[in-house]
Amino acid sequence: MSAGLKGDLSGLRKLERSIRELPIVLGQRVAAACAGKLTSLARSTFAAGENAFGDSWAPGAQGQRVTLRKSGGIAGGVFYVAIGRRLRARLGPRYAKYQVGKRPIFPRGGALPGAYVAAIRAAAADAIREQITGGA
């Protein structure tokens, strides 16, 4: 079961609106390509114990570094999924939502991190190039 993601995701919502304006099939290709790239970024920052902007997670109760890897359930469930022309962030187990309040995994706030913007631009450019050239 996947936990819902809460917080201000206006940057992703703007991307979603832009994708919706593209032809449907192209929008689906862009979303699918973005999902894989953003999943890689999210897993990378998760492994580093940081949020999407590179800030370290809050320490544990005794000041220890927190990894969120005790059972591996959260680590294995961090991914983005393309649903048509939309992107959705997934966390895996239900209890993950309680941890990400203190230790966010996905971007929050109005702006997306530079690495996310670059990945989205690259995925969109690749999908558009493929659409225009017919995959050649």
Protein backbone atom coordinates (compact mmCIF):
# COMPACT_ATOMS: atom_id res chain seq x y z
CA MET A 1 0.00 0.00 0.00
CA SER A 2 1.37 3.43 -0.84
CA ALA A 3 1.14 6.48 1.37
CA GLY A 4 -0.14 9.78 -0.01
CA LEU A 5 2.21 12.72 -0.32
CA LYS A 6 1.26 15.96 1.35
CA GLY A 7 2.74 19.42 1.12
CA ASP A 8 3.04 22.13 -1.49
CA LEU A 9 3.75 20.49 -4.81
CA SER A 10 3.03 23.49 -7.01
CA GLY A 11 6.20 22.95 -9.06
CA LEU A 12 5.04 19.46 -10.04
CA ARG A 13 1.53 20.77 -10.64
CA LYS A 14 2.88 23.40 -13.08
CA LEU A 15 4.77 20.65 -14.90
CA GLU A 16 1.59 18.60 -15.01
CA ARG A 17 -0.36 21.50 -16.56
CA SER A 18 2.37 21.99 -19.18
CA ILE A 19 2.35 18.29 -20.04
CA ARG A 20 -1.45 18.35 -20.40
CA GLU A 21 -1.12 21.00 -23.11
CA LEU A 22 1.00 18.68 -25.27
CA PRO A 23 -0.54 16.09 -27.58
CA ILE A 24 -1.75 13.23 -25.41
CA VAL A 25 0.73 10.59 -26.58
CA LEU A 26 3.67 12.99 -26.33
CA GLY A 27 2.56 14.03 -22.85
CA GLN A 28 2.46 10.39 -21.79
CA ARG A 29 5.98 9.82 -23.15
CA VAL A 30 7.31 12.88 -21.34
CA ALA A 31 5.68 11.83 -18.07
CA ALA A 32 7.03 8.27 -18.38
CA ALA A 33 10.54 9.51 -19.13
CA CYS A 34 10.39 11.98 -16.24
CA ALA A 35 9.20 9.31 -13.82
CA GLY A 36 12.34 7.22 -14.26
CA LYS A 37 14.71 10.18 -14.04
CA LEU A 38 12.99 11.66 -10.98
CA THR A 39 12.92 8.26 -9.30
CA SER A 40 16.71 8.04 -9.71
CA LEU A 41 17.13 11.49 -8.18
CA ALA A 42 14.80 10.72 -5.27
CA ARG A 43 16.57 7.43 -4.52
CA SER A 44 19.95 9.13 -4.68
CA THR A 45 19.03 11.80 -2.15
CA PHE A 46 17.29 9.16 0.00
CA ALA A 47 20.50 7.11 0.08
CA ALA A 48 22.43 10.24 1.11
CA GLY A 49 19.98 11.00 3.94
CA GLU A 50 19.00 14.31 2.36
CA ASN A 51 15.91 15.99 1.02
CA ALA A 52 15.62 16.84 -2.67
CA PHE A 53 17.36 20.19 -2.09
CA GLY A 54 20.45 18.60 -0.50
CA ASP A 55 19.64 19.42 3.14
CA SER A 56 20.40 16.66 5.66
CA TRP A 57 17.47 15.03 7.42
CA ALA A 58 16.69 15.83 11.03
CA PRO A 59 18.73 13.65 13.43
CA GLY A 60 17.19 10.90 15.54
CA ALA A 61 16.10 11.33 19.17
CA GLN A 62 19.65 10.74 20.47
CA GLY A 63 21.24 12.90 17.76
CA GLN A 64 22.18 9.94 15.55
CA ARG A 65 22.14 10.02 11.76
CA VAL A 66 18.87 8.60 10.45
CA THR A 67 18.91 6.39 7.35
CA LEU A 68 15.29 5.10 7.23
CA ARG A 69 16.70 1.73 6.14
CA LYS A 70 15.86 -0.52 9.10
CA SER A 71 13.56 -2.83 7.13
CA GLY A 72 14.19 -1.50 3.63
CA GLY A 73 10.48 -0.90 3.10
CA ILE A 74 10.74 2.84 2.58
CA ALA A 75 13.88 2.65 0.42
CA GLY A 76 12.28 0.13 -1.90
CA GLY A 77 9.09 2.18 -2.18
CA VAL A 78 10.59 5.53 -3.21
CA PHE A 79 9.58 6.18 -6.80
CA TYR A 80 7.63 8.32 -9.21
CA VAL A 81 5.03 6.76 -11.46
CA ALA A 82 3.52 8.15 -14.65
CA ILE A 83 -0.23 7.82 -14.82
CA GLY A 84 -1.11 9.01 -18.29
CA ARG A 85 0.27 12.54 -18.49
CA ARG A 86 0.53 12.93 -14.71
CA LEU A 87 3.35 12.16 -12.30
CA ARG A 88 2.71 10.79 -8.85
CA ALA A 89 5.22 10.37 -6.05
CA ARG A 90 4.95 7.05 -4.16
CA LEU A 91 6.41 6.08 -0.83
CA GLY A 92 5.65 2.40 -0.40
CA PRO A 93 4.55 1.30 3.07
CA ARG A 94 1.83 3.15 5.00
CA TYR A 95 4.14 4.11 7.85
CA ALA A 96 6.41 6.04 5.46
CA LYS A 97 4.17 9.11 5.66
CA TYR A 98 5.04 9.51 9.33
CA GLN A 99 8.77 9.55 8.64
CA VAL A 100 8.72 11.95 5.69
CA GLY A 101 7.17 14.69 7.78
CA LYS A 102 10.53 15.09 9.55
CA ARG A 103 12.69 13.66 6.80
CA PRO A 104 11.22 14.62 3.41
CA ILE A 105 12.20 12.55 0.40
CA PHE A 106 10.36 14.33 -2.41
CA PRO A 107 10.54 18.09 -3.15
CA ARG A 108 8.28 20.38 -1.19
CA GLY A 109 7.55 24.01 -1.78
CA GLY A 110 6.86 25.96 -4.92
CA ALA A 111 10.20 25.47 -6.65
CA LEU A 112 11.78 22.25 -7.84
CA PRO A 113 15.48 21.55 -7.20
CA GLY A 114 17.79 22.34 -10.10
CA ALA A 115 18.56 18.65 -10.67
CA TYR A 116 14.84 17.91 -11.05
CA VAL A 117 14.36 20.78 -13.50
CA ALA A 118 17.35 19.59 -15.57
CA ALA A 119 16.04 15.99 -15.59
CA ILE A 120 12.57 17.12 -16.64
CA ARG A 121 13.95 19.31 -19.42
CA ALA A 122 16.14 16.49 -20.71
CA ALA A 123 13.27 13.97 -20.63
CA ALA A 124 10.93 16.39 -22.38
CA ALA A 125 13.52 17.28 -25.04
CA ASP A 126 14.21 13.60 -25.72
CA ALA A 127 10.51 12.76 -26.01
CA ILE A 128 9.82 15.75 -28.27
CA ARG A 129 12.85 14.95 -30.46
CA GLU A 130 11.68 11.34 -30.78
CA GLN A 131 8.13 12.48 -31.61
CA ILE A 132 9.35 14.89 -34.29
CA THR A 133 11.91 12.56 -35.89
CA GLY A 134 9.84 9.41 -35.51
CA GLY A 135 12.50 7.75 -33.36
CA ALA A 136 15.21 8.11 -36.00
